[in-house]
């Protein structure tokens, strides 16, 4: 689901694409609508909750409504303990009358189900709630509703002209106020207001995890609320375990989960199922996983829940080098996430792009960890997360490189580590000397690699050239960047024309293209288009100005091109 976006071209696309685009009717299978994604995420079976678990953990589904009578979902529907059904009063004083099973923020009533005359349009929340229910049922069997409940929060009016969830943040505020511990916001938009940001910060301060979708337009732009501080953004994987073609990506992503061909509850009937694709479905799986972690480990902080999810994620074998550090910690593994417990003693070197380091007296005085993810990226951020107990005179020392022989970045008292620290390069060696620390010292340091915008690595924008010389793609023989979009506007003196003699040329044929426009813009006549592994013929422009445009896709980069540019007499 999407809110309106400034750019008109995105509004129409997002209305169709951020939600799953294709629904396929199915015969009612066993409860859950299918098990393939449950196997892919290694959903646990036969979990035993600890004795401290005395009441269900509540997951809010902030969306277009939930069909609470669906056979998969009905047992899990949240019941407001402070509200008396049907008495027409606001018994718990939360400003909502008879919100027994959730609230319709947009219409100001307690009807959280999709409107009967628009069931195909309002399918999203029901599908996601069904995913949560299926994971909970896999983990706890028939007793699952005693441990997990779903709070429907409807943020789309029954009479809305489109399916943009413009009241999404109001729904987050309701869920937060009424006891949700995990809030699923499987929608996004490319901006966030200060008021909306404050709602998310309030959730973070309360230890409530807000899970958001990375988005279904793969342009690398931040999508909120998932990309905001304190929220957890989820990208989608295909059935082979690689990035789903439609899934967004970026350094703001926290983790990935399956998002392709996911079968779950349909809003059209109480026993129907549909198959949808999208990062929304992936987000629902992560929200359910976070809830299971909290149920199994009462008292875990928000940071510890995130650490369980990230530190157990499976590394991705992603072939596209431009996605390094842009798909979070890896693929969700729920069984491992619910089984791990602090202190998180990592196996060095760490190969994931995101995760947490433990600070614990239980692990000994001297602790050393090498963070060394694969691929090319800008560097590694270290962020103080939480610290309990006295650090004494403990010292944190960080080196750029794979050992203490690398470049010293900082050495400071652990108690003074309060701001994020950036380590340039592709590895960081972290040494912690716990001097005089209390026996109960416990804490976390978060790390995440910052990816490179490969589209601007060697060239970007439009460069104006008025002199003869060499012209190339800027890669220097290293292989040009995926997603390149670069222009050169070459202007010769009056009466002159521009001559190109290629010295080398190697691009993906028919895909990565070098255009020549007769003039100063792409609206002018195309003089030539070159592509492939062979040296193109020499060309001379028709006039004294030419725009050269090099544009590539995200795969199969060649070694690039180089040409000698000279000015010659015109006719």
Protein backbone atom coordinates (compact mmCIF):
# COMPACT_ATOMS: atom_id res chain seq x y z
CA UNK A 1 0.00 0.00 0.00
CA UNK A 2 1.21 3.48 -0.74
CA UNK A 3 0.59 7.03 0.27
CA UNK A 4 0.68 9.77 -2.42
CA UNK A 5 4.08 10.68 -3.74
CA UNK A 6 5.22 14.02 -5.17
CA UNK A 7 6.20 12.64 -8.56
CA UNK A 8 3.13 11.91 -10.64
CA UNK A 9 4.71 8.98 -12.43
CA UNK A 10 5.23 7.17 -9.15
CA UNK A 11 1.66 7.62 -7.92
CA UNK A 12 0.12 5.52 -10.64
CA UNK A 13 2.81 2.87 -10.49
CA UNK A 14 2.83 2.56 -6.71
CA UNK A 15 -0.95 2.19 -6.57
CA UNK A 16 -0.51 -0.95 -8.61
CA UNK A 17 2.91 -2.20 -7.62
CA UNK A 18 3.69 -1.72 -3.93
CA UNK A 19 0.89 -4.12 -3.19
CA UNK A 20 1.10 -7.54 -4.73
CA UNK A 21 0.14 -7.11 -8.35
CA UNK A 22 -1.31 -10.49 -9.20
CA UNK A 23 -3.90 -12.52 -7.32
CA UNK A 24 -4.67 -16.11 -8.20
CA UNK A 25 -7.77 -17.81 -6.83
CA UNK A 26 -7.18 -21.19 -5.23
CA UNK A 27 -9.09 -24.06 -3.71
CA UNK A 28 -8.96 -23.93 0.09
CA UNK A 29 -5.84 -25.84 1.17
CA UNK A 30 -5.05 -26.75 4.75
CA UNK A 31 -4.93 -23.87 7.20
CA UNK A 32 -2.24 -21.41 6.24
CA UNK A 33 -2.80 -21.44 2.48
CA UNK A 34 0.48 -23.18 1.68
CA UNK A 35 3.78 -24.00 3.35
CA UNK A 36 6.50 -23.19 0.83
CA UNK A 37 7.49 -19.85 2.33
CA UNK A 38 7.31 -21.38 5.83
CA UNK A 39 10.01 -23.81 4.78
CA UNK A 40 12.10 -21.10 3.10
CA UNK A 41 12.24 -19.02 6.28
CA UNK A 42 12.79 -22.12 8.43
CA UNK A 43 9.70 -21.40 10.50
CA UNK A 44 10.07 -23.30 13.80
CA UNK A 45 7.81 -26.11 14.90
CA UNK A 46 6.68 -27.15 18.39
CA UNK A 47 8.11 -24.20 20.31
CA UNK A 48 7.54 -24.16 24.04
CA UNK A 49 7.03 -20.66 25.41
CA UNK A 50 8.73 -19.87 28.72
CA UNK A 51 6.68 -19.79 31.90
CA UNK A 52 6.98 -15.99 32.01
CA UNK A 53 4.75 -15.77 28.93
CA UNK A 54 1.43 -15.05 30.65
CA UNK A 55 -0.40 -13.12 27.93
CA UNK A 56 -0.36 -12.98 24.13
CA UNK A 57 2.04 -10.69 22.29
CA UNK A 58 0.16 -8.32 20.00
CA UNK A 59 1.12 -7.62 16.37
CA UNK A 60 -0.72 -4.69 14.80
CA UNK A 61 -1.48 -4.90 11.08
CA UNK A 62 -1.80 -1.25 10.01
CA UNK A 63 -3.35 -1.62 6.59
CA UNK A 64 -6.52 -1.59 4.46
CA UNK A 65 -8.44 -3.83 6.86
CA UNK A 66 -8.50 -7.44 7.93
CA UNK A 67 -11.23 -10.02 7.32
CA UNK A 68 -11.37 -11.09 10.95
CA UNK A 69 -13.85 -13.89 10.19
CA UNK A 70 -11.41 -15.76 7.94
CA UNK A 71 -10.81 -19.24 9.30
CA UNK A 72 -7.03 -18.71 9.49
CA UNK A 73 -7.25 -15.34 11.21
CA UNK A 74 -10.32 -15.47 13.47
CA UNK A 75 -8.66 -17.29 16.42
CA UNK A 76 -5.84 -14.72 16.47
CA UNK A 77 -7.89 -11.52 16.44
CA UNK A 78 -7.00 -9.20 19.32
CA UNK A 79 -9.62 -8.43 21.93
CA UNK A 80 -9.31 -5.12 23.75
CA UNK A 81 -9.30 -6.06 27.45
CA UNK A 82 -10.54 -2.64 28.50
CA UNK A 83 -13.56 -2.46 26.22
CA UNK A 84 -17.06 -3.88 26.68
CA UNK A 85 -18.54 -5.00 23.37
CA UNK A 86 -21.65 -3.28 22.06
CA UNK A 87 -22.35 -0.84 24.91
CA UNK A 88 -21.67 2.26 22.81
CA UNK A 89 -19.11 3.59 25.29
CA UNK A 90 -15.41 4.32 25.34
CA UNK A 91 -14.78 2.07 28.35
CA UNK A 92 -11.00 2.31 28.37
CA UNK A 93 -10.86 6.04 27.64
CA UNK A 94 -8.68 5.76 24.55
CA UNK A 95 -10.97 7.94 22.44
CA UNK A 96 -12.45 5.04 20.47
CA UNK A 97 -15.92 3.67 21.14
CA UNK A 98 -16.31 -0.13 21.15
CA UNK A 99 -12.88 -0.81 19.63
CA UNK A 100 -13.15 -4.40 20.78
CA UNK A 101 -11.15 -5.94 17.91
CA UNK A 102 -9.22 -2.94 16.63
CA UNK A 103 -10.08 0.38 15.05
CA UNK A 104 -10.92 1.97 11.70
CA UNK A 105 -8.83 5.14 11.93
CA UNK A 106 -10.01 6.53 8.60
CA UNK A 107 -13.76 6.17 9.17
CA UNK A 108 -13.72 6.62 12.94
CA UNK A 109 -15.50 3.37 13.78
CA UNK A 110 -14.80 -0.18 14.92
CA UNK A 111 -15.39 -1.86 11.54
CA UNK A 112 -11.94 -3.19 10.67
CA UNK A 113 -12.99 -5.54 7.84
CA UNK A 114 -12.72 -4.60 4.15
CA UNK A 115 -15.93 -3.09 2.68
CA UNK A 116 -18.11 -5.91 1.25
CA UNK A 117 -18.40 -4.22 -2.15
CA UNK A 118 -14.62 -3.72 -2.59
CA UNK A 119 -13.10 -7.00 -1.41
CA UNK A 120 -10.72 -7.36 -4.35
CA UNK A 121 -9.28 -3.89 -3.79
CA UNK A 122 -9.00 -4.20 -0.02
CA UNK A 123 -7.12 -7.51 0.07
CA UNK A 124 -3.74 -6.45 1.43
CA UNK A 125 -4.16 -6.49 5.21
CA UNK A 126 -6.01 -9.80 5.20
CA UNK A 127 -3.27 -11.46 3.16
CA UNK A 128 -0.58 -10.22 5.59
CA UNK A 129 -2.57 -11.21 8.68
CA UNK A 130 -2.89 -14.71 7.23
CA UNK A 131 0.90 -14.95 6.88
CA UNK A 132 1.38 -13.99 10.53
CA UNK A 133 -1.23 -16.51 11.63
CA UNK A 134 0.39 -19.28 9.58
CA UNK A 135 3.83 -18.69 11.12
CA UNK A 136 2.37 -18.56 14.64
CA UNK A 137 0.40 -21.76 14.05
CA UNK A 138 3.49 -23.51 12.68
CA UNK A 139 5.39 -22.53 15.84
CA UNK A 140 2.80 -23.25 18.54
CA UNK A 141 0.18 -25.43 16.93
CA UNK A 142 -3.47 -25.12 18.06
CA UNK A 143 -2.33 -23.19 21.16
CA UNK A 144 -0.86 -20.37 19.04
CA UNK A 145 -3.60 -17.78 19.80
CA UNK A 146 -2.60 -17.97 23.46
CA UNK A 147 0.79 -16.50 22.54
CA UNK A 148 0.24 -14.33 19.44
CA UNK A 149 -2.64 -11.97 18.63
CA UNK A 150 -3.31 -9.74 15.63
CA UNK A 151 -4.61 -6.19 16.13
CA UNK A 152 -6.34 -4.95 12.94
CA UNK A 153 -5.89 -1.20 12.41
CA UNK A 154 -7.70 -0.02 9.31
CA UNK A 155 -6.19 3.11 7.74
CA UNK A 156 -8.13 3.24 4.48
CA UNK A 157 -11.66 4.62 4.30
CA UNK A 158 -14.37 2.43 2.80
CA UNK A 159 -15.11 5.24 0.33
CA UNK A 160 -11.51 6.06 -0.63
CA UNK A 161 -10.99 6.89 -4.30
CA UNK A 162 -7.66 5.00 -4.32
CA UNK A 163 -5.77 2.60 -2.08
CA UNK A 164 -3.14 5.02 -0.74
CA UNK A 165 -2.88 4.55 3.03
CA UNK A 166 -2.80 8.23 3.90
CA UNK A 167 -3.78 7.57 7.52
CA UNK A 168 -0.99 5.07 8.08
CA UNK A 169 0.84 6.99 10.80
CA UNK A 170 -2.40 7.63 12.68
CA UNK A 171 -2.80 3.86 12.69
CA UNK A 172 0.71 3.45 14.09
CA UNK A 173 -0.19 5.87 16.89
CA UNK A 174 -3.33 3.87 17.72
CA UNK A 175 -1.43 0.58 17.77
CA UNK A 176 1.27 2.05 19.98
CA UNK A 177 -1.26 3.50 22.42
CA UNK A 178 -3.16 0.23 22.73
CA UNK A 179 -0.40 -2.22 23.51
CA UNK A 180 1.01 -3.55 20.24
CA UNK A 181 4.58 -4.84 20.59
CA UNK A 182 5.21 -5.25 16.86
CA UNK A 183 3.62 -2.93 14.29
CA UNK A 184 3.50 -4.04 10.66
CA UNK A 185 3.47 -1.16 8.16
CA UNK A 186 3.76 -2.94 4.80
CA UNK A 187 3.53 0.29 2.82
CA UNK A 188 5.82 3.19 2.07
CA UNK A 189 6.39 6.61 0.59
CA UNK A 190 9.55 8.51 -0.28
CA UNK A 191 9.22 11.22 2.36
CA UNK A 192 8.42 11.61 6.04
CA UNK A 193 7.26 14.63 8.06
CA UNK A 194 8.61 15.67 11.44
CA UNK A 195 5.29 14.69 13.03
CA UNK A 196 5.39 11.24 11.44
CA UNK A 197 9.01 10.80 12.48
CA UNK A 198 8.11 11.67 16.07
CA UNK A 199 5.51 8.87 16.11
CA UNK A 200 8.17 6.37 15.08
CA UNK A 201 10.63 7.70 17.65
CA UNK A 202 7.95 7.28 20.30
CA UNK A 203 7.62 3.64 19.25
CA UNK A 204 11.39 3.17 19.43
CA UNK A 205 11.54 4.67 22.91
CA UNK A 206 8.77 2.30 23.99
CA UNK A 207 10.72 -0.69 22.66
CA UNK A 208 8.13 -1.39 19.96
CA UNK A 209 9.39 -2.68 16.61
CA UNK A 210 7.91 -1.04 13.51
CA UNK A 211 8.41 -3.28 10.47
CA UNK A 212 8.14 -1.64 7.05
CA UNK A 213 8.37 -2.73 3.41
CA UNK A 214 11.37 -1.67 1.33
CA UNK A 215 9.06 -1.11 -1.64
CA UNK A 216 8.39 -2.69 -5.02
CA UNK A 217 10.08 -0.20 -7.33
CA UNK A 218 13.80 -1.12 -7.45
CA UNK A 219 15.28 2.37 -7.58
CA UNK A 220 17.23 2.40 -4.30
CA UNK A 221 15.29 5.32 -2.81
CA UNK A 222 14.37 5.39 0.87
CA UNK A 223 10.82 4.30 1.62
CA UNK A 224 9.27 5.36 4.91
CA UNK A 225 8.38 4.34 7.56
CA UNK A 226 10.69 1.35 7.03
CA UNK A 227 13.76 3.50 6.30
CA UNK A 228 13.31 5.72 9.36
CA UNK A 229 15.34 5.51 12.55
CA UNK A 230 13.92 2.87 14.85
CA UNK A 231 12.05 1.05 12.08
CA UNK A 232 13.03 -2.17 10.33
CA UNK A 233 12.88 -2.29 6.54
CA UNK A 234 12.44 -5.57 4.65
CA UNK A 235 13.39 -6.39 1.04
CA UNK A 236 11.97 -9.31 -0.95
CA UNK A 237 13.62 -12.49 -2.24
CA UNK A 238 12.60 -14.63 -5.17
CA UNK A 239 12.06 -18.38 -4.97
CA UNK A 240 15.74 -19.00 -5.78
CA UNK A 241 16.92 -16.92 -2.83
CA UNK A 242 18.10 -13.90 -4.82
CA UNK A 243 16.69 -10.39 -4.77
CA UNK A 244 13.19 -10.33 -6.20
CA UNK A 245 13.31 -8.32 -9.42
CA UNK A 246 10.70 -5.83 -8.19
CA UNK A 247 12.14 -5.44 -4.71
CA UNK A 248 13.70 -2.15 -3.71
CA UNK A 249 17.15 -2.14 -2.13
CA UNK A 250 19.50 0.17 -0.25
CA UNK A 251 21.59 0.61 2.88
CA UNK A 252 18.36 1.29 4.79
CA UNK A 253 17.22 -2.34 4.36
CA UNK A 254 17.60 -4.45 7.51
CA UNK A 255 16.85 -7.97 6.29
CA UNK A 256 15.27 -9.97 3.44
CA UNK A 257 12.50 -12.55 3.32
CA UNK A 258 10.63 -14.40 0.56
CA UNK A 259 8.25 -12.20 -1.41
CA UNK A 260 7.38 -14.24 -4.48
CA UNK A 261 4.29 -16.44 -4.95
CA UNK A 262 3.17 -16.24 -1.34
CA UNK A 263 -0.17 -17.93 -0.66
CA UNK A 264 -2.28 -16.66 2.23
CA UNK A 265 -5.79 -15.69 3.31
CA UNK A 266 -8.10 -13.96 0.84
CA UNK A 267 -10.40 -11.10 1.77
CA UNK A 268 -13.07 -12.49 -0.58
CA UNK A 269 -14.30 -15.31 1.66
CA UNK A 270 -13.77 -16.93 5.04
CA UNK A 271 -11.99 -19.94 3.57
CA UNK A 272 -10.39 -18.50 0.42
CA UNK A 273 -6.72 -18.04 -0.44
CA UNK A 274 -4.76 -15.90 -2.89
CA UNK A 275 -1.18 -15.73 -4.10
CA UNK A 276 0.60 -12.37 -4.06
CA UNK A 277 4.10 -11.02 -4.63
CA UNK A 278 5.84 -8.15 -2.91
CA UNK A 279 7.99 -6.79 -0.12
CA UNK A 280 4.76 -6.50 1.87
CA UNK A 281 4.55 -10.26 2.20
CA UNK A 282 8.23 -10.40 3.17
CA UNK A 283 7.60 -7.76 5.85
CA UNK A 284 4.77 -9.79 7.37
CA UNK A 285 7.13 -12.75 7.79
CA UNK A 286 9.69 -10.59 9.59
CA UNK A 287 7.01 -9.08 11.84
CA UNK A 288 5.90 -12.58 12.83
CA UNK A 289 9.50 -13.64 13.41
CA UNK A 290 10.13 -10.65 15.68
CA UNK A 291 7.02 -11.55 17.68
CA UNK A 292 8.20 -15.13 18.13
CA UNK A 293 11.56 -13.87 19.41
CA UNK A 294 9.80 -11.69 21.98
CA UNK A 295 7.52 -14.51 23.10
CA UNK A 296 10.43 -16.89 23.52
CA UNK A 297 12.59 -14.28 25.26
CA UNK A 298 10.44 -12.07 27.50
CA UNK A 299 12.18 -8.87 28.48
CA UNK A 300 14.38 -8.62 25.40
CA UNK A 301 14.98 -5.03 24.36
CA UNK A 302 14.20 -3.77 20.88
CA UNK A 303 17.92 -3.92 20.05
CA UNK A 304 18.17 -7.52 21.23
CA UNK A 305 15.22 -8.55 19.08
CA UNK A 306 16.86 -6.94 16.05
CA UNK A 307 20.14 -8.62 16.95
CA UNK A 308 18.44 -12.01 17.00
CA UNK A 309 17.02 -11.41 13.53
CA UNK A 310 20.18 -9.97 11.96
CA UNK A 311 22.84 -12.13 13.60
CA UNK A 312 21.11 -15.32 12.45
CA UNK A 313 20.26 -14.23 8.90
CA UNK A 314 21.73 -16.36 6.13
CA UNK A 315 24.21 -14.59 3.80
CA UNK A 316 22.91 -14.05 0.28
CA UNK A 317 24.74 -15.38 -2.74
CA UNK A 318 23.81 -12.27 -4.72
CA UNK A 319 25.61 -12.14 -8.06
CA UNK A 320 25.05 -8.42 -8.68
CA UNK A 321 28.04 -6.55 -7.17
CA UNK A 322 26.09 -3.30 -7.14
CA UNK A 323 23.84 -4.75 -4.39
CA UNK A 324 26.67 -5.19 -1.89
CA UNK A 325 25.53 -3.83 1.51
CA UNK A 326 22.07 -3.00 0.11
CA UNK A 327 20.06 -6.07 1.17
CA UNK A 328 20.51 -5.93 4.92
CA UNK A 329 21.90 -8.75 7.01
CA UNK A 330 20.70 -11.49 4.65
CA UNK A 331 17.81 -13.94 4.48
CA UNK A 332 15.47 -14.42 7.44
CA UNK A 333 15.97 -17.66 9.41
CA UNK A 334 13.26 -17.78 12.07
CA UNK A 335 14.36 -21.00 13.78
CA UNK A 336 17.84 -19.62 14.41
CA UNK A 337 16.46 -16.22 15.45
CA UNK A 338 14.30 -17.68 18.23
CA UNK A 339 17.09 -20.00 19.42
CA UNK A 340 19.97 -17.53 19.83
CA UNK A 341 20.51 -15.80 23.15
CA UNK A 342 22.99 -13.21 24.42
CA UNK A 343 25.84 -12.75 24.69
CA UNK A 344 26.05 -13.04 20.90
CA UNK A 345 29.50 -14.53 20.45
CA UNK A 346 30.14 -14.04 16.73
CA UNK A 347 32.35 -16.28 14.66
CA UNK A 348 35.07 -14.01 13.30
CA UNK A 349 35.35 -12.84 10.62
CA UNK A 350 31.79 -11.59 10.26
CA UNK A 351 30.62 -11.83 6.65
CA UNK A 352 27.17 -10.25 6.97
CA UNK A 353 26.72 -6.60 6.02
CA UNK A 354 24.76 -5.86 9.19
CA UNK A 355 24.64 -7.23 12.71
CA UNK A 356 25.54 -6.72 16.34
CA UNK A 357 28.62 -7.29 18.49
CA UNK A 358 28.13 -8.26 22.12
CA UNK A 359 29.82 -6.55 25.04
CA UNK A 360 29.73 -8.95 27.95
CA UNK A 361 31.87 -9.78 30.95
CA UNK A 362 30.85 -13.40 30.38
CA UNK A 363 32.96 -13.49 27.22
CA UNK A 364 36.25 -12.65 28.92
CA UNK A 365 38.30 -9.52 29.35
CA UNK A 366 39.78 -9.36 25.85
CA UNK A 367 37.37 -9.57 22.92
CA UNK A 368 38.32 -9.18 19.27
CA UNK A 369 36.11 -9.31 16.18
CA UNK A 370 36.92 -8.86 12.50
CA UNK A 371 34.09 -7.48 10.36
CA UNK A 372 34.83 -8.33 6.74
CA UNK A 373 31.81 -8.64 4.41
CA UNK A 374 32.45 -9.52 0.76
CA UNK A 375 32.29 -7.13 -2.18
CA UNK A 376 32.94 -3.46 -2.66
CA UNK A 377 31.37 -0.82 -0.41
CA UNK A 378 32.30 2.53 1.18
CA UNK A 379 32.96 1.43 4.73
CA UNK A 380 31.53 0.14 7.98
CA UNK A 381 29.54 2.05 10.60
CA UNK A 382 29.81 1.12 14.27
CA UNK A 383 26.95 2.41 16.39
CA UNK A 384 26.54 2.26 20.17
CA UNK A 385 23.33 0.41 20.90
CA UNK A 386 22.88 -0.34 24.59
CA UNK A 387 25.06 -0.82 27.64
CA UNK A 388 24.04 -2.23 31.00
CA UNK A 389 26.31 -2.38 34.03
CA UNK A 390 29.53 -0.53 34.73
CA UNK A 391 32.15 -0.37 31.97
CA UNK A 392 34.86 0.65 34.44
CA UNK A 393 37.97 1.70 32.50
CA UNK A 394 37.19 -0.57 29.52
CA UNK A 395 38.65 0.53 26.19
CA UNK A 396 37.28 0.18 22.67
CA UNK A 397 39.89 0.19 19.89
CA UNK A 398 39.03 0.11 16.19
CA UNK A 399 41.36 -0.45 13.23
CA UNK A 400 40.71 -0.14 9.49
CA UNK A 401 41.93 -3.43 8.09
CA UNK A 402 41.90 -7.07 9.03
CA UNK A 403 43.96 -6.91 12.24
CA UNK A 404 45.49 -4.66 14.89
CA UNK A 405 48.25 -3.96 12.34
CA UNK A 406 45.79 -1.90 10.30
CA UNK A 407 45.25 1.86 10.45
CA UNK A 408 44.15 2.99 13.90
CA UNK A 409 40.76 4.67 13.65
CA UNK A 410 40.12 5.31 17.34
CA UNK A 411 40.89 4.13 20.85
CA UNK A 412 38.59 5.49 23.53
CA UNK A 413 37.00 4.60 26.85
CA UNK A 414 33.99 2.39 26.22
CA UNK A 415 31.87 4.74 28.33
CA UNK A 416 32.67 7.55 25.86
CA UNK A 417 31.46 5.62 22.82
CA UNK A 418 28.21 7.50 22.29
CA UNK A 419 28.27 8.53 18.62
CA UNK A 420 28.39 6.48 15.39
CA UNK A 421 31.88 5.75 14.10
CA UNK A 422 32.73 5.28 10.41
CA UNK A 423 35.56 2.99 9.30
CA UNK A 424 36.50 3.59 5.68
CA UNK A 425 37.27 0.46 3.69
CA UNK A 426 35.93 -3.08 3.50
CA UNK A 427 37.06 -4.44 6.87
CA UNK A 428 37.15 -3.30 10.49
CA UNK A 429 38.99 -4.91 13.38
CA UNK A 430 37.33 -4.22 16.73
CA UNK A 431 39.12 -4.89 20.03
CA UNK A 432 37.42 -4.53 23.41
CA UNK A 433 39.49 -4.58 26.59
CA UNK A 434 37.06 -4.86 29.52
CA UNK A 435 39.15 -3.40 32.31
CA UNK A 436 37.42 -3.09 35.64
CA UNK A 437 34.02 -3.85 34.13
CA UNK A 438 31.27 -5.16 36.39
CA UNK A 439 30.41 -8.84 36.21
CA UNK A 440 27.02 -7.87 34.83
CA UNK A 441 28.31 -5.73 32.00
CA UNK A 442 26.11 -6.39 28.98
CA UNK A 443 25.69 -4.43 25.80
CA UNK A 444 25.57 -4.32 22.04
CA UNK A 445 27.41 -2.50 19.28
CA UNK A 446 25.55 -2.38 15.99
CA UNK A 447 27.44 -2.45 12.71
CA UNK A 448 26.35 -1.94 9.13
CA UNK A 449 28.20 -1.53 5.86
CA UNK A 450 27.44 1.50 3.70
CA UNK A 451 26.93 0.61 0.06
CA UNK A 452 28.20 2.45 -2.99
CA UNK A 453 26.00 4.17 -5.53
CA UNK A 454 27.61 2.43 -8.47
CA UNK A 455 25.60 4.47 -10.95
CA UNK A 456 27.73 7.52 -10.05
CA UNK A 457 31.00 5.75 -9.23
CA UNK A 458 32.91 6.77 -12.37
CA UNK A 459 30.73 9.44 -13.91
CA UNK A 460 27.50 11.27 -13.25
CA UNK A 461 25.38 14.11 -14.57
CA UNK A 462 26.39 16.05 -17.68
CA UNK A 463 29.98 17.19 -18.23
CA UNK A 464 30.64 20.06 -20.65
CA UNK A 465 33.72 19.71 -22.87
CA UNK A 466 35.21 22.38 -25.15
CA UNK A 467 38.68 20.92 -25.81
CA UNK A 468 40.13 18.09 -27.86
CA UNK A 469 41.42 15.01 -26.06
CA UNK A 470 40.47 11.59 -24.78
CA UNK A 471 36.88 10.78 -23.81
CA UNK A 472 35.97 7.63 -21.86
CA UNK A 473 33.45 6.18 -19.43
CA UNK A 474 35.78 6.86 -16.47
CA UNK A 475 36.21 3.28 -15.27
CA UNK A 476 39.84 3.01 -16.35
CA UNK A 477 39.47 -0.57 -17.51
CA UNK A 478 37.92 -1.78 -14.23
CA UNK A 479 34.56 -2.45 -15.80
CA UNK A 480 32.02 0.35 -15.99
CA UNK A 481 29.33 0.81 -13.37
CA UNK A 482 25.95 -0.92 -13.38
CA UNK A 483 23.13 1.54 -13.81
CA UNK A 484 25.36 4.17 -15.44
CA UNK A 485 23.59 7.27 -16.74
CA UNK A 486 26.21 9.80 -17.90
CA UNK A 487 26.31 12.54 -20.51
CA UNK A 488 29.03 14.62 -22.16
CA UNK A 489 28.10 17.81 -24.04
CA UNK A 490 30.94 18.54 -26.47
CA UNK A 491 31.10 21.93 -28.19
CA UNK A 492 33.64 22.71 -30.93
CA UNK A 493 34.63 26.23 -32.03
CA UNK A 494 32.37 27.86 -34.67
CA UNK A 495 32.84 26.35 -38.09
CA UNK A 496 34.29 23.13 -36.67
CA UNK A 497 32.85 19.66 -36.34
CA UNK A 498 33.70 16.90 -33.87
CA UNK A 499 35.47 13.70 -34.89
CA UNK A 500 35.55 10.48 -32.82
CA UNK A 501 38.10 7.70 -33.25
CA UNK A 502 37.52 4.81 -30.83
CA UNK A 503 40.57 3.28 -29.18
CA UNK A 504 38.68 0.60 -27.25
CA UNK A 505 35.07 -0.51 -26.93
CA UNK A 506 33.51 -3.29 -24.84
CA UNK A 507 29.87 -3.07 -23.71
CA UNK A 508 27.03 -5.55 -23.32
CA UNK A 509 25.59 -5.84 -26.81
CA UNK A 510 22.15 -4.31 -27.43
CA UNK A 511 21.80 -3.44 -23.73
CA UNK A 512 24.52 -0.99 -22.63
CA UNK A 513 24.41 1.76 -25.23
CA UNK A 514 26.45 4.82 -26.27
CA UNK A 515 24.25 7.42 -27.99
CA UNK A 516 25.28 10.44 -30.11
CA UNK A 517 22.70 13.26 -30.43
CA UNK A 518 23.04 16.05 -32.96
CA UNK A 519 22.73 19.00 -30.56
CA UNK A 520 22.64 19.60 -26.82
CA UNK A 521 19.85 17.30 -25.65
CA UNK A 522 18.26 13.88 -26.00
CA UNK A 523 15.37 15.50 -27.86
CA UNK A 524 17.70 16.06 -30.83
CA UNK A 525 18.25 13.65 -33.71
CA UNK A 526 20.21 10.49 -32.94
CA UNK A 527 23.31 10.33 -35.13
CA UNK A 528 24.61 6.95 -33.96
CA UNK A 529 24.20 4.23 -31.33
CA UNK A 530 27.09 1.91 -30.51
CA UNK A 531 27.07 -1.28 -28.46
CA UNK A 532 28.90 -4.58 -28.23
CA UNK A 533 32.49 -5.87 -28.11
CA UNK A 534 33.80 -4.42 -31.39
CA UNK A 535 35.51 -1.10 -32.12
CA UNK A 536 32.92 1.20 -33.81
CA UNK A 537 33.69 3.08 -37.01
CA UNK A 538 35.04 6.62 -36.82
CA UNK A 539 32.33 9.27 -36.95
CA UNK A 540 32.18 13.01 -37.52
CA UNK A 541 29.30 15.12 -36.24
CA UNK A 542 27.04 17.08 -38.54
CA UNK A 543 27.46 20.30 -36.59
CA UNK A 544 29.66 21.88 -33.91
CA UNK A 545 27.85 20.36 -30.93
CA UNK A 546 27.03 16.80 -29.86
CA UNK A 547 25.60 15.16 -26.76
CA UNK A 548 27.11 11.76 -25.91
CA UNK A 549 25.03 9.62 -23.57
CA UNK A 550 26.16 6.36 -21.98
CA UNK A 551 23.43 4.32 -20.30
CA UNK A 552 23.67 0.78 -18.88
CA UNK A 553 21.55 -1.72 -17.00
CA UNK A 554 22.47 -3.46 -13.74
CA UNK A 555 24.04 -6.62 -15.15
CA UNK A 556 26.92 -7.84 -17.32
CA UNK A 557 29.25 -4.86 -17.35
CA UNK A 558 32.01 -4.70 -19.97
CA UNK A 559 35.42 -3.04 -19.81
CA UNK A 560 34.11 0.24 -21.17
CA UNK A 561 35.17 2.50 -23.99
CA UNK A 562 37.62 5.25 -24.94
CA UNK A 563 37.71 7.61 -27.93
CA UNK A 564 40.04 10.30 -29.29
CA UNK A 565 38.10 13.54 -29.81
CA UNK A 566 39.39 16.07 -32.35
CA UNK A 567 37.89 19.17 -33.96
CA UNK A 568 37.92 19.19 -37.75
CA UNK A 569 36.97 21.75 -40.36
CA UNK A 570 33.36 21.82 -41.42
CA UNK A 571 32.15 21.87 -44.99
